[in-house]
């Protein structure tokens, strides 16, 4: 069973942990770049969720990796002003659109 990884700022990690995701906490785009390069082409995760605020400073090369990767699938979500419940619904919706099937996250 493949897992979901969330690359988020520390204040958002509890919600993703409650949703059953693995979490990589950072506040620096350079760490996002390193992590994306590490993950592309590997089968450790089916889906990688990235806090869109962390992609503002990434290089065009890494942005291309994020958009073109099929393994894992990367999706960006905005997390400002969201609750844990909204985050979970957003993950479920984005997974359905990206992966082609529905997932249900139970907390």
Protein backbone atom coordinates (compact mmCIF):
# COMPACT_ATOMS: atom_id res chain seq x y z
CA UNK A 1 0.00 0.00 0.00
CA UNK A 2 1.47 3.32 -1.05
CA UNK A 3 1.31 6.28 1.25
CA UNK A 4 0.69 10.02 1.14
CA UNK A 5 3.40 12.51 2.11
CA UNK A 6 2.69 16.12 3.05
CA UNK A 7 5.45 18.71 2.68
CA UNK A 8 4.20 21.51 4.90
CA UNK A 9 5.14 24.24 7.32
CA UNK A 10 5.26 23.00 10.94
CA UNK A 11 1.97 24.60 12.00
CA UNK A 12 0.08 22.43 9.48
CA UNK A 13 1.69 19.08 10.23
CA UNK A 14 -0.70 17.99 13.04
CA UNK A 15 -3.70 17.97 10.68
CA UNK A 16 -1.87 15.85 8.13
CA UNK A 17 -0.60 13.49 10.81
CA UNK A 18 -4.16 13.07 12.08
CA UNK A 19 -5.22 12.28 8.51
CA UNK A 20 -2.67 9.46 8.39
CA UNK A 21 -0.14 11.16 6.13
CA UNK A 22 3.60 11.09 6.55
CA UNK A 23 4.90 14.62 7.06
CA UNK A 24 8.05 16.47 6.03
CA UNK A 25 8.16 19.80 7.88
CA UNK A 26 10.02 22.78 6.50
CA UNK A 27 9.78 26.50 6.01
CA UNK A 28 12.46 26.74 3.33
CA UNK A 29 11.96 26.29 -0.43
CA UNK A 30 15.51 24.91 -0.68
CA UNK A 31 14.47 21.93 1.47
CA UNK A 32 11.37 21.45 -0.69
CA UNK A 33 13.63 21.34 -3.76
CA UNK A 34 15.88 18.73 -2.15
CA UNK A 35 12.93 16.59 -1.07
CA UNK A 36 11.20 16.75 -4.47
CA UNK A 37 14.40 15.69 -6.26
CA UNK A 38 14.77 12.82 -3.76
CA UNK A 39 11.20 11.58 -4.34
CA UNK A 40 10.82 11.81 -8.13
CA UNK A 41 10.74 8.39 -9.73
CA UNK A 42 10.51 6.51 -6.47
CA UNK A 43 7.53 4.40 -5.43
CA UNK A 44 7.58 5.23 -1.71
CA UNK A 45 4.57 7.53 -2.03
CA UNK A 46 1.61 7.57 -4.40
CA UNK A 47 0.80 11.19 -3.63
CA UNK A 48 2.87 14.11 -2.31
CA UNK A 49 0.99 17.16 -1.10
CA UNK A 50 2.97 20.40 -1.02
CA UNK A 51 1.99 23.57 0.81
CA UNK A 52 1.79 26.08 -2.05
CA UNK A 53 3.45 28.76 0.11
CA UNK A 54 6.62 26.63 0.06
CA UNK A 55 6.82 26.47 -3.73
CA UNK A 56 7.07 30.21 -4.26
CA UNK A 57 10.88 30.15 -4.21
CA UNK A 58 11.59 26.86 -5.98
CA UNK A 59 13.56 26.79 -9.21
CA UNK A 60 11.87 26.39 -12.60
CA UNK A 61 13.52 22.97 -12.90
CA UNK A 62 11.92 21.71 -9.68
CA UNK A 63 8.58 23.26 -10.64
CA UNK A 64 8.77 21.20 -13.86
CA UNK A 65 9.52 18.06 -11.84
CA UNK A 66 6.48 18.73 -9.68
CA UNK A 67 4.14 19.20 -12.64
CA UNK A 68 5.52 16.40 -14.82
CA UNK A 69 6.02 13.65 -12.25
CA UNK A 70 3.76 10.63 -12.50
CA UNK A 71 5.51 8.76 -9.72
CA UNK A 72 4.70 10.12 -7.24
CA UNK A 73 1.97 12.55 -8.18
CA UNK A 74 2.60 15.97 -6.65
CA UNK A 75 -0.22 18.37 -5.83
CA UNK A 76 -0.04 21.82 -4.32
CA UNK A 77 -2.65 23.13 -1.93
CA UNK A 78 -3.06 26.47 -0.22
CA UNK A 79 -3.28 26.05 3.52
CA UNK A 80 -3.85 29.55 4.80
CA UNK A 81 -7.01 29.86 6.88
CA UNK A 82 -7.97 26.21 6.65
CA UNK A 83 -9.13 23.82 9.33
CA UNK A 84 -8.10 20.18 9.66
CA UNK A 85 -11.48 19.10 8.28
CA UNK A 86 -11.09 21.33 5.21
CA UNK A 87 -7.57 20.00 4.64
CA UNK A 88 -8.83 16.41 4.77
CA UNK A 89 -11.65 17.14 2.29
CA UNK A 90 -9.18 18.89 0.00
CA UNK A 91 -6.79 15.92 0.13
CA UNK A 92 -9.63 13.54 -0.70
CA UNK A 93 -10.79 15.69 -3.64
CA UNK A 94 -7.30 16.22 -5.03
CA UNK A 95 -6.47 12.51 -4.69
CA UNK A 96 -9.64 11.61 -6.59
CA UNK A 97 -8.75 14.04 -9.39
CA UNK A 98 -5.05 13.11 -9.49
CA UNK A 99 -5.19 9.36 -8.95
CA UNK A 100 -8.51 8.66 -10.60
CA UNK A 101 -10.13 7.03 -7.58
CA UNK A 102 -11.62 8.12 -4.29
CA UNK A 103 -9.94 7.78 -0.94
CA UNK A 104 -11.55 8.23 2.44
CA UNK A 105 -9.44 9.60 5.26
CA UNK A 106 -10.64 8.67 8.71
CA UNK A 107 -9.34 10.46 11.79
